[in-house]
């Protein structure tokens, strides 16, 4: 996904359940990493569910975070029962 640094919009990540069930009660968490490696614990931001989509509002007009121009690995995590999967969800380019 590409987004302008001046834009405020939702980033959507499709989360596919491996077993049938309701949407998790806990909100999804997002992290953006500009270098190699995994996200640091303090870098996670709370998002929200919209059906099977985890989403987070990005940008300078009320977004959870405003990212500087660059390339970021997008990470998503969510709690489901005893599990808390952490997945790399793609790359975001901010221009």
PDB file of N, CA and C in Angstrom:
ATOM      1  N   UNK A   1       0.847  -1.174   0.000  1.00  0.00           N
ATOM      2  CA  UNK A   1       0.000   0.000   0.000  1.00  0.00           C
ATOM      3  C   UNK A   1       0.888   1.231   0.000  1.00  0.00           C
ATOM      4  N   UNK A   2       0.435   2.259  -0.688  1.00  0.00           N
ATOM      5  CA  UNK A   2       1.110   3.549  -0.712  1.00  0.00           C
ATOM      6  C   UNK A   2       0.163   4.590  -0.139  1.00  0.00           C
ATOM      7  N   UNK A   3       0.710   5.542   0.614  1.00  0.00           N
ATOM      8  CA  UNK A   3      -0.094   6.607   1.201  1.00  0.00           C
ATOM      9  C   UNK A   3       0.749   7.875   1.247  1.00  0.00           C
ATOM     10  N   UNK A   4       0.123   9.001   0.985  1.00  0.00           N
ATOM     11  CA  UNK A   4       0.806  10.286   1.103  1.00  0.00           C
ATOM     12  C   UNK A   4       0.944  10.642   2.578  1.00  0.00           C
ATOM     13  N   UNK A   5       2.055  11.242   2.957  1.00  0.00           N
ATOM     14  CA  UNK A   5       2.278  11.622   4.353  1.00  0.00           C
ATOM     15  C   UNK A   5       1.212  12.598   4.845  1.00  0.00           C
ATOM     16  N   UNK A   6       0.630  13.391   3.958  1.00  0.00           N
ATOM     17  CA  UNK A   6      -0.384  14.371   4.334  1.00  0.00           C
ATOM     18  C   UNK A   6      -1.793  13.782   4.392  1.00  0.00           C
ATOM     19  N   UNK A   7      -1.967  12.525   3.987  1.00  0.00           N
ATOM     20  CA  UNK A   7      -3.280  11.891   3.931  1.00  0.00           C
ATOM     21  C   UNK A   7      -3.658  11.292   5.284  1.00  0.00           C
ATOM     22  N   UNK A   8      -4.940  11.346   5.611  1.00  0.00           N
ATOM     23  CA  UNK A   8      -5.474  10.647   6.781  1.00  0.00           C
ATOM     24  C   UNK A   8      -6.469   9.620   6.260  1.00  0.00           C
ATOM     25  N   UNK A   9      -6.160   8.345   6.468  1.00  0.00           N
ATOM     26  CA  UNK A   9      -7.020   7.267   5.976  1.00  0.00           C
ATOM     27  C   UNK A   9      -6.751   5.983   6.747  1.00  0.00           C
ATOM     28  N   UNK A  10      -7.698   5.043   6.630  1.00  0.00           N
ATOM     29  CA  UNK A  10      -7.549   3.761   7.305  1.00  0.00           C
ATOM     30  C   UNK A  10      -6.623   2.840   6.524  1.00  0.00           C
ATOM     31  N   UNK A  11      -5.755   2.173   7.250  1.00  0.00           N
ATOM     32  CA  UNK A  11      -4.978   1.051   6.731  1.00  0.00           C
ATOM     33  C   UNK A  11      -5.760  -0.197   7.113  1.00  0.00           C
ATOM     34  N   UNK A  12      -6.085  -1.046   6.138  1.00  0.00           N
ATOM     35  CA  UNK A  12      -6.850  -2.273   6.372  1.00  0.00           C
ATOM     36  C   UNK A  12      -5.962  -3.491   6.171  1.00  0.00           C
ATOM     37  N   UNK A  13      -6.058  -4.444   7.093  1.00  0.00           N
ATOM     38  CA  UNK A  13      -5.365  -5.724   6.978  1.00  0.00           C
ATOM     39  C   UNK A  13      -6.417  -6.813   7.118  1.00  0.00           C
ATOM     40  N   UNK A  14      -6.508  -7.694   6.128  1.00  0.00           N
ATOM     41  CA  UNK A  14      -7.457  -8.797   6.177  1.00  0.00           C
ATOM     42  C   UNK A  14      -6.905  -9.880   7.102  1.00  0.00           C
ATOM     43  N   UNK A  15      -7.670 -10.223   8.122  1.00  0.00           N
ATOM     44  CA  UNK A  15      -7.279 -11.261   9.074  1.00  0.00           C
ATOM     45  C   UNK A  15      -8.213 -12.445   8.860  1.00  0.00           C
ATOM     46  N   UNK A  16      -7.669 -13.571   8.415  1.00  0.00           N
ATOM     47  CA  UNK A  16      -8.461 -14.755   8.113  1.00  0.00           C
ATOM     48  C   UNK A  16      -8.365 -15.748   9.261  1.00  0.00           C
ATOM     49  N   UNK A  17      -9.511 -16.117   9.808  1.00  0.00           N
ATOM     50  CA  UNK A  17      -9.546 -17.089  10.900  1.00  0.00           C
ATOM     51  C   UNK A  17      -9.270 -18.487  10.359  1.00  0.00           C
ATOM     52  N   UNK A  18      -8.539 -19.277  11.130  1.00  0.00           N
ATOM     53  CA  UNK A  18      -8.284 -20.660  10.737  1.00  0.00           C
ATOM     54  C   UNK A  18      -9.387 -21.594  11.223  1.00  0.00           C
ATOM     55  N   UNK A  19     -10.182 -21.135  12.186  1.00  0.00           N
ATOM     56  CA  UNK A  19     -11.350 -21.885  12.643  1.00  0.00           C
ATOM     57  C   UNK A  19     -12.526 -20.913  12.718  1.00  0.00           C
ATOM     58  N   UNK A  20     -13.745 -21.390  12.506  1.00  0.00           N
ATOM     59  CA  UNK A  20     -14.900 -20.491  12.570  1.00  0.00           C
ATOM     60  C   UNK A  20     -15.075 -19.932  13.977  1.00  0.00           C
ATOM     61  N   UNK A  21     -15.599 -18.733  14.044  1.00  0.00           N
ATOM     62  CA  UNK A  21     -15.866 -18.128  15.338  1.00  0.00           C
ATOM     63  C   UNK A  21     -16.114 -16.644  15.195  1.00  0.00           C
ATOM     64  N   UNK A  22     -16.466 -16.011  16.302  1.00  0.00           N
ATOM     65  CA  UNK A  22     -16.740 -14.576  16.259  1.00  0.00           C
ATOM     66  C   UNK A  22     -15.448 -13.758  16.126  1.00  0.00           C
ATOM     67  N   UNK A  23     -15.617 -12.504  15.774  1.00  0.00           N
ATOM     68  CA  UNK A  23     -14.490 -11.572  15.744  1.00  0.00           C
ATOM     69  C   UNK A  23     -13.923 -11.463  17.155  1.00  0.00           C
ATOM     70  N   UNK A  24     -12.600 -11.455  17.311  1.00  0.00           N
ATOM     71  CA  UNK A  24     -12.026 -11.337  18.656  1.00  0.00           C
ATOM     72  C   UNK A  24     -12.530 -10.086  19.375  1.00  0.00           C
ATOM     73  N   UNK A  25     -12.718 -10.210  20.684  1.00  0.00           N
ATOM     74  CA  UNK A  25     -13.205  -9.082  21.480  1.00  0.00           C
ATOM     75  C   UNK A  25     -12.132  -8.011  21.647  1.00  0.00           C
ATOM     76  N   UNK A  26     -10.892  -8.429  21.798  1.00  0.00           N
ATOM     77  CA  UNK A  26      -9.801  -7.465  21.979  1.00  0.00           C
ATOM     78  C   UNK A  26      -9.468  -6.814  20.640  1.00  0.00           C
ATOM     79  N   UNK A  27      -9.183  -5.510  20.638  1.00  0.00           N
ATOM     80  CA  UNK A  27      -8.851  -4.855  19.368  1.00  0.00           C
ATOM     81  C   UNK A  27      -7.519  -5.346  18.818  1.00  0.00           C
ATOM     82  N   UNK A  28      -7.359  -5.297  17.498  1.00  0.00           N
ATOM     83  CA  UNK A  28      -6.067  -5.658  16.914  1.00  0.00           C
ATOM     84  C   UNK A  28      -5.032  -4.593  17.260  1.00  0.00           C
ATOM     85  N   UNK A  29      -3.783  -4.975  17.194  1.00  0.00           N
ATOM     86  CA  UNK A  29      -2.669  -4.062  17.450  1.00  0.00           C
ATOM     87  C   UNK A  29      -1.833  -3.958  16.178  1.00  0.00           C
ATOM     88  N   UNK A  30      -1.333  -2.765  15.887  1.00  0.00           N
ATOM     89  CA  UNK A  30      -0.503  -2.524  14.714  1.00  0.00           C
ATOM     90  C   UNK A  30       0.851  -1.978  15.132  1.00  0.00           C
ATOM     91  N   UNK A  31       1.870  -2.317  14.354  1.00  0.00           N
ATOM     92  CA  UNK A  31       3.201  -1.733  14.536  1.00  0.00           C
ATOM     93  C   UNK A  31       3.800  -1.494  13.155  1.00  0.00           C
ATOM     94  N   UNK A  32       4.638  -0.478  13.067  1.00  0.00           N
ATOM     95  CA  UNK A  32       5.295  -0.103  11.816  1.00  0.00           C
ATOM     96  C   UNK A  32       6.791  -0.053  12.078  1.00  0.00           C
ATOM     97  N   UNK A  33       7.541  -0.865  11.337  1.00  0.00           N
ATOM     98  CA  UNK A  33       8.985  -0.986  11.556  1.00  0.00           C
ATOM     99  C   UNK A  33       9.691  -0.565  10.274  1.00  0.00           C
ATOM    100  N   UNK A  34      10.610   0.399  10.398  1.00  0.00           N
ATOM    101  CA  UNK A  34      11.300   0.912   9.214  1.00  0.00           C
ATOM    102  C   UNK A  34      12.604   0.180   8.920  1.00  0.00           C
ATOM    103  N   UNK A  35      13.052  -0.649   9.828  1.00  0.00           N
ATOM    104  CA  UNK A  35      14.281  -1.407   9.612  1.00  0.00           C
ATOM    105  C   UNK A  35      14.032  -2.889   9.775  1.00  0.00           C
ATOM    106  N   UNK A  36      15.095  -3.667   9.839  1.00  0.00           N
ATOM    107  CA  UNK A  36      14.921  -5.109  10.036  1.00  0.00           C
ATOM    108  C   UNK A  36      14.486  -5.424  11.470  1.00  0.00           C
ATOM    109  N   UNK A  37      13.947  -6.597  11.648  1.00  0.00           N
ATOM    110  CA  UNK A  37      13.605  -7.061  12.986  1.00  0.00           C
ATOM    111  C   UNK A  37      12.127  -6.940  13.299  1.00  0.00           C
ATOM    112  N   UNK A  38      11.807  -7.375  14.495  1.00  0.00           N
ATOM    113  CA  UNK A  38      10.435  -7.379  14.987  1.00  0.00           C
ATOM    114  C   UNK A  38      10.109  -6.068  15.695  1.00  0.00           C
ATOM    115  N   UNK A  39       8.824  -5.761  15.863  1.00  0.00           N
ATOM    116  CA  UNK A  39       8.437  -4.544  16.577  1.00  0.00           C
ATOM    117  C   UNK A  39       8.852  -4.598  18.048  1.00  0.00           C
ATOM    118  N   UNK A  40       9.175  -3.441  18.587  1.00  0.00           N
ATOM    119  CA  UNK A  40       9.440  -3.318  20.022  1.00  0.00           C
ATOM    120  C   UNK A  40       8.100  -3.292  20.766  1.00  0.00           C
ATOM    121  N   UNK A  41       8.061  -3.747  22.016  1.00  0.00           N
ATOM    122  CA  UNK A  41       6.789  -3.781  22.751  1.00  0.00           C
ATOM    123  C   UNK A  41       6.073  -2.429  22.816  1.00  0.00           C
ATOM    124  N   UNK A  42       6.819  -1.335  22.903  1.00  0.00           N
ATOM    125  CA  UNK A  42       6.196  -0.013  23.028  1.00  0.00           C
ATOM    126  C   UNK A  42       5.708   0.559  21.688  1.00  0.00           C
ATOM    127  N   UNK A  43       5.967  -0.142  20.595  1.00  0.00           N
ATOM    128  CA  UNK A  43       5.597   0.398  19.281  1.00  0.00           C
ATOM    129  C   UNK A  43       4.194   0.001  18.819  1.00  0.00           C
ATOM    130  N   UNK A  44       3.489  -0.828  19.581  1.00  0.00           N
ATOM    131  CA  UNK A  44       2.163  -1.300  19.162  1.00  0.00           C
ATOM    132  C   UNK A  44       1.097  -0.231  19.395  1.00  0.00           C
ATOM    133  N   UNK A  45       0.186  -0.101  18.416  1.00  0.00           N
ATOM    134  CA  UNK A  45      -0.911   0.865  18.466  1.00  0.00           C
ATOM    135  C   UNK A  45      -2.240   0.127  18.345  1.00  0.00           C
ATOM    136  N   UNK A  46      -3.248   0.491  19.151  1.00  0.00           N
ATOM    137  CA  UNK A  46      -4.534  -0.204  19.066  1.00  0.00           C
ATOM    138  C   UNK A  46      -5.338   0.227  17.844  1.00  0.00           C
ATOM    139  N   UNK A  47      -5.861  -0.759  17.142  1.00  0.00           N
ATOM    140  CA  UNK A  47      -6.734  -0.516  15.999  1.00  0.00           C
ATOM    141  C   UNK A  47      -8.151  -0.921  16.345  1.00  0.00           C
ATOM    142  N   UNK A  48      -8.895  -1.311  15.332  1.00  0.00           N
ATOM    143  CA  UNK A  48     -10.273  -1.745  15.533  1.00  0.00           C
ATOM    144  C   UNK A  48     -10.622  -2.779  14.474  1.00  0.00           C
ATOM    145  N   UNK A  49     -11.695  -3.514  14.750  1.00  0.00           N
ATOM    146  CA  UNK A  49     -12.185  -4.505  13.801  1.00  0.00           C
ATOM    147  C   UNK A  49     -13.298  -3.902  12.964  1.00  0.00           C
ATOM    148  N   UNK A  50     -13.311  -4.236  11.684  1.00  0.00           N
ATOM    149  CA  UNK A  50     -14.431  -3.948  10.795  1.00  0.00           C
ATOM    150  C   UNK A  50     -14.643  -5.225   9.984  1.00  0.00           C
ATOM    151  N   UNK A  51     -15.495  -6.114  10.509  1.00  0.00           N
ATOM    152  CA  UNK A  51     -15.666  -7.432   9.899  1.00  0.00           C
ATOM    153  C   UNK A  51     -14.356  -8.198   9.989  1.00  0.00           C
ATOM    154  N   UNK A  52     -13.907  -8.799   8.879  1.00  0.00           N
ATOM    155  CA  UNK A  52     -12.650  -9.555   8.910  1.00  0.00           C
ATOM    156  C   UNK A  52     -11.416  -8.660   8.798  1.00  0.00           C
ATOM    157  N   UNK A  53     -11.620  -7.357   8.746  1.00  0.00           N
ATOM    158  CA  UNK A  53     -10.512  -6.425   8.571  1.00  0.00           C
ATOM    159  C   UNK A  53     -10.084  -5.832   9.907  1.00  0.00           C
ATOM    160  N   UNK A  54      -8.791  -5.867  10.153  1.00  0.00           N
ATOM    161  CA  UNK A  54      -8.203  -5.069  11.224  1.00  0.00           C
ATOM    162  C   UNK A  54      -7.852  -3.739  10.577  1.00  0.00           C
ATOM    163  N   UNK A  55      -8.167  -2.637  11.238  1.00  0.00           N
ATOM    164  CA  UNK A  55      -7.861  -1.351  10.618  1.00  0.00           C
ATOM    165  C   UNK A  55      -7.346  -0.355  11.645  1.00  0.00           C
ATOM    166  N   UNK A  56      -6.579   0.610  11.122  1.00  0.00           N
ATOM    167  CA  UNK A  56      -5.987   1.655  11.954  1.00  0.00           C
ATOM    168  C   UNK A  56      -5.995   2.941  11.143  1.00  0.00           C
ATOM    169  N   UNK A  57      -6.451   4.026  11.763  1.00  0.00           N
ATOM    170  CA  UNK A  57      -6.453   5.321  11.095  1.00  0.00           C
ATOM    171  C   UNK A  57      -5.054   5.918  11.169  1.00  0.00           C
ATOM    172  N   UNK A  58      -4.498   6.223   9.996  1.00  0.00           N
ATOM    173  CA  UNK A  58      -3.169   6.820   9.885  1.00  0.00           C
ATOM    174  C   UNK A  58      -3.297   8.255   9.417  1.00  0.00           C
ATOM    175  N   UNK A  59      -2.381   9.102   9.833  1.00  0.00           N
ATOM    176  CA  UNK A  59      -2.293  10.434   9.256  1.00  0.00           C
ATOM    177  C   UNK A  59      -2.410  11.565  10.249  1.00  0.00           C
ATOM    178  N   UNK A  60      -2.169  12.776   9.751  1.00  0.00           N
ATOM    179  CA  UNK A  60      -2.056  13.942  10.625  1.00  0.00           C
ATOM    180  C   UNK A  60      -3.376  14.486  11.166  1.00  0.00           C
ATOM    181  N   UNK A  61      -4.508  14.094  10.614  1.00  0.00           N
ATOM    182  CA  UNK A  61      -5.799  14.637  11.056  1.00  0.00           C
ATOM    183  C   UNK A  61      -6.566  13.621  11.885  1.00  0.00           C
ATOM    184  N   UNK A  62      -6.085  13.359  13.085  1.00  0.00           N
ATOM    185  CA  UNK A  62      -6.764  12.444  13.993  1.00  0.00           C
ATOM    186  C   UNK A  62      -6.327  11.002  13.908  1.00  0.00           C
ATOM    187  N   UNK A  63      -5.293  10.711  13.127  1.00  0.00           N
ATOM    188  CA  UNK A  63      -4.796   9.344  13.028  1.00  0.00           C
ATOM    189  C   UNK A  63      -4.077   8.906  14.295  1.00  0.00           C
ATOM    190  N   UNK A  64      -3.980   7.606  14.489  1.00  0.00           N
ATOM    191  CA  UNK A  64      -3.269   7.058  15.649  1.00  0.00           C
ATOM    192  C   UNK A  64      -1.777   7.349  15.571  1.00  0.00           C
ATOM    193  N   UNK A  65      -1.278   7.510  14.354  1.00  0.00           N
ATOM    194  CA  UNK A  65       0.140   7.800  14.140  1.00  0.00           C
ATOM    195  C   UNK A  65       0.273   8.522  12.802  1.00  0.00           C
ATOM    196  N   UNK A  66       1.249   9.412  12.722  1.00  0.00           N
ATOM    197  CA  UNK A  66       1.618  10.059  11.466  1.00  0.00           C
ATOM    198  C   UNK A  66       3.024   9.590  11.133  1.00  0.00           C
ATOM    199  N   UNK A  67       3.170   8.900  10.027  1.00  0.00           N
ATOM    200  CA  UNK A  67       4.459   8.329   9.643  1.00  0.00           C
ATOM    201  C   UNK A  67       5.195   9.264   8.698  1.00  0.00           C
ATOM    202  N   UNK A  68       6.510   9.373   8.888  1.00  0.00           N
ATOM    203  CA  UNK A  68       7.361  10.135   7.980  1.00  0.00           C
ATOM    204  C   UNK A  68       7.498   9.370   6.672  1.00  0.00           C
ATOM    205  N   UNK A  69       7.828  10.054   5.573  1.00  0.00           N
ATOM    206  CA  UNK A  69       8.051   9.338   4.319  1.00  0.00           C
ATOM    207  C   UNK A  69       9.098   8.232   4.483  1.00  0.00           C
ATOM    208  N   UNK A  70       8.827   7.093   3.881  1.00  0.00           N
ATOM    209  CA  UNK A  70       9.715   5.932   3.959  1.00  0.00           C
ATOM    210  C   UNK A  70       8.941   4.653   3.729  1.00  0.00           C
ATOM    211  N   UNK A  71       9.650   3.530   3.884  1.00  0.00           N
ATOM    212  CA  UNK A  71       9.036   2.199   3.736  1.00  0.00           C
ATOM    213  C   UNK A  71       8.969   1.547   5.113  1.00  0.00           C
ATOM    214  N   UNK A  72       7.823   0.960   5.414  1.00  0.00           N
ATOM    215  CA  UNK A  72       7.584   0.357   6.722  1.00  0.00           C
ATOM    216  C   UNK A  72       7.040  -1.062   6.564  1.00  0.00           C
ATOM    217  N   UNK A  73       7.555  -1.971   7.367  1.00  0.00           N
ATOM    218  CA  UNK A  73       6.928  -3.279   7.514  1.00  0.00           C
ATOM    219  C   UNK A  73       5.716  -3.083   8.420  1.00  0.00           C
ATOM    220  N   UNK A  74       4.564  -3.573   7.978  1.00  0.00           N
ATOM    221  CA  UNK A  74       3.332  -3.475   8.762  1.00  0.00           C
ATOM    222  C   UNK A  74       3.156  -4.786   9.513  1.00  0.00           C
ATOM    223  N   UNK A  75       2.989  -4.686  10.820  1.00  0.00           N
ATOM    224  CA  UNK A  75       2.776  -5.848  11.670  1.00  0.00           C
ATOM    225  C   UNK A  75       1.410  -5.736  12.318  1.00  0.00           C
ATOM    226  N   UNK A  76       0.739  -6.873  12.491  1.00  0.00           N
ATOM    227  CA  UNK A  76      -0.553  -6.914  13.164  1.00  0.00           C
ATOM    228  C   UNK A  76      -0.531  -8.050  14.182  1.00  0.00           C
ATOM    229  N   UNK A  77      -1.190  -7.814  15.301  1.00  0.00           N
ATOM    230  CA  UNK A  77      -1.290  -8.820  16.361  1.00  0.00           C
ATOM    231  C   UNK A  77      -2.683  -8.715  16.974  1.00  0.00           C
ATOM    232  N   UNK A  78      -3.171  -9.827  17.488  1.00  0.00           N
ATOM    233  CA  UNK A  78      -4.481  -9.828  18.125  1.00  0.00           C
ATOM    234  C   UNK A  78      -4.550 -11.017  19.070  1.00  0.00           C
ATOM    235  N   UNK A  79      -5.337 -10.874  20.125  1.00  0.00           N
ATOM    236  CA  UNK A  79      -5.494 -11.936  21.117  1.00  0.00           C
ATOM    237  C   UNK A  79      -6.716 -12.774  20.769  1.00  0.00           C
ATOM    238  N   UNK A  80      -6.514 -14.088  20.704  1.00  0.00           N
ATOM    239  CA  UNK A  80      -7.598 -15.037  20.449  1.00  0.00           C
ATOM    240  C   UNK A  80      -7.413 -16.189  21.424  1.00  0.00           C
ATOM    241  N   UNK A  81      -8.237 -16.221  22.470  1.00  0.00           N
ATOM    242  CA  UNK A  81      -8.089 -17.280  23.469  1.00  0.00           C
ATOM    243  C   UNK A  81      -6.711 -17.226  24.100  1.00  0.00           C
ATOM    244  N   UNK A  82      -6.022 -18.366  24.090  1.00  0.00           N
ATOM    245  CA  UNK A  82      -4.689 -18.451  24.691  1.00  0.00           C
ATOM    246  C   UNK A  82      -3.591 -17.977  23.741  1.00  0.00           C
ATOM    247  N   UNK A  83      -3.945 -17.692  22.493  1.00  0.00           N
ATOM    248  CA  UNK A  83      -2.941 -17.321  21.496  1.00  0.00           C
ATOM    249  C   UNK A  83      -2.935 -15.815  21.234  1.00  0.00           C
ATOM    250  N   UNK A  84      -1.759 -15.304  20.912  1.00  0.00           N
ATOM    251  CA  UNK A  84      -1.602 -13.928  20.448  1.00  0.00           C
ATOM    252  C   UNK A  84      -0.667 -13.953  19.248  1.00  0.00           C
ATOM    253  N   UNK A  85      -1.203 -14.252  18.054  1.00  0.00           N
ATOM    254  CA  UNK A  85      -0.343 -14.296  16.877  1.00  0.00           C
ATOM    255  C   UNK A  85       0.188 -12.908  16.526  1.00  0.00           C
ATOM    256  N   UNK A  86       1.398 -12.875  16.040  1.00  0.00           N
ATOM    257  CA  UNK A  86       2.041 -11.661  15.538  1.00  0.00           C
ATOM    258  C   UNK A  86       2.443 -11.964  14.104  1.00  0.00           C
ATOM    259  N   UNK A  87       1.932 -11.172  13.161  1.00  0.00           N
ATOM    260  CA  UNK A  87       2.167 -11.446  11.746  1.00  0.00           C
ATOM    261  C   UNK A  87       2.624 -10.192  11.022  1.00  0.00           C
ATOM    262  N   UNK A  88       3.567 -10.381  10.112  1.00  0.00           N
ATOM    263  CA  UNK A  88       3.924  -9.290   9.206  1.00  0.00           C
ATOM    264  C   UNK A  88       2.856  -9.269   8.117  1.00  0.00           C
ATOM    265  N   UNK A  89       2.266  -8.100   7.899  1.00  0.00           N
ATOM    266  CA  UNK A  89       1.110  -7.995   7.013  1.00  0.00           C
ATOM    267  C   UNK A  89       1.413  -7.303   5.690  1.00  0.00           C
ATOM    268  N   UNK A  90       2.657  -6.994   5.437  1.00  0.00           N
ATOM    269  CA  UNK A  90       2.993  -6.348   4.174  1.00  0.00           C
ATOM    270  C   UNK A  90       3.877  -5.139   4.384  1.00  0.00           C
ATOM    271  N   UNK A  91       3.982  -4.330   3.323  1.00  0.00           N
ATOM    272  CA  UNK A  91       4.832  -3.146   3.349  1.00  0.00           C
ATOM    273  C   UNK A  91       3.995  -1.919   3.020  1.00  0.00           C
ATOM    274  N   UNK A  92       4.215  -0.856   3.768  1.00  0.00           N
ATOM    275  CA  UNK A  92       3.558   0.423   3.544  1.00  0.00           C
ATOM    276  C   UNK A  92       4.616   1.424   3.099  1.00  0.00           C
ATOM    277  N   UNK A  93       4.368   2.088   1.975  1.00  0.00           N
ATOM    278  CA  UNK A  93       5.250   3.151   1.506  1.00  0.00           C
ATOM    279  C   UNK A  93       4.556   4.482   1.738  1.00  0.00           C
ATOM    280  N   UNK A  94       5.208   5.354   2.500  1.00  0.00           N
ATOM    281  CA  UNK A  94       4.696   6.699   2.749  1.00  0.00           C
ATOM    282  C   UNK A  94       5.532   7.655   1.912  1.00  0.00           C
ATOM    283  N   UNK A  95       4.872   8.461   1.093  1.00  0.00           N
ATOM    284  CA  UNK A  95       5.590   9.392   0.221  1.00  0.00           C
ATOM    285  C   UNK A  95       5.183  10.822   0.491  1.00  0.00           C
TER     286      UNK A  95
END
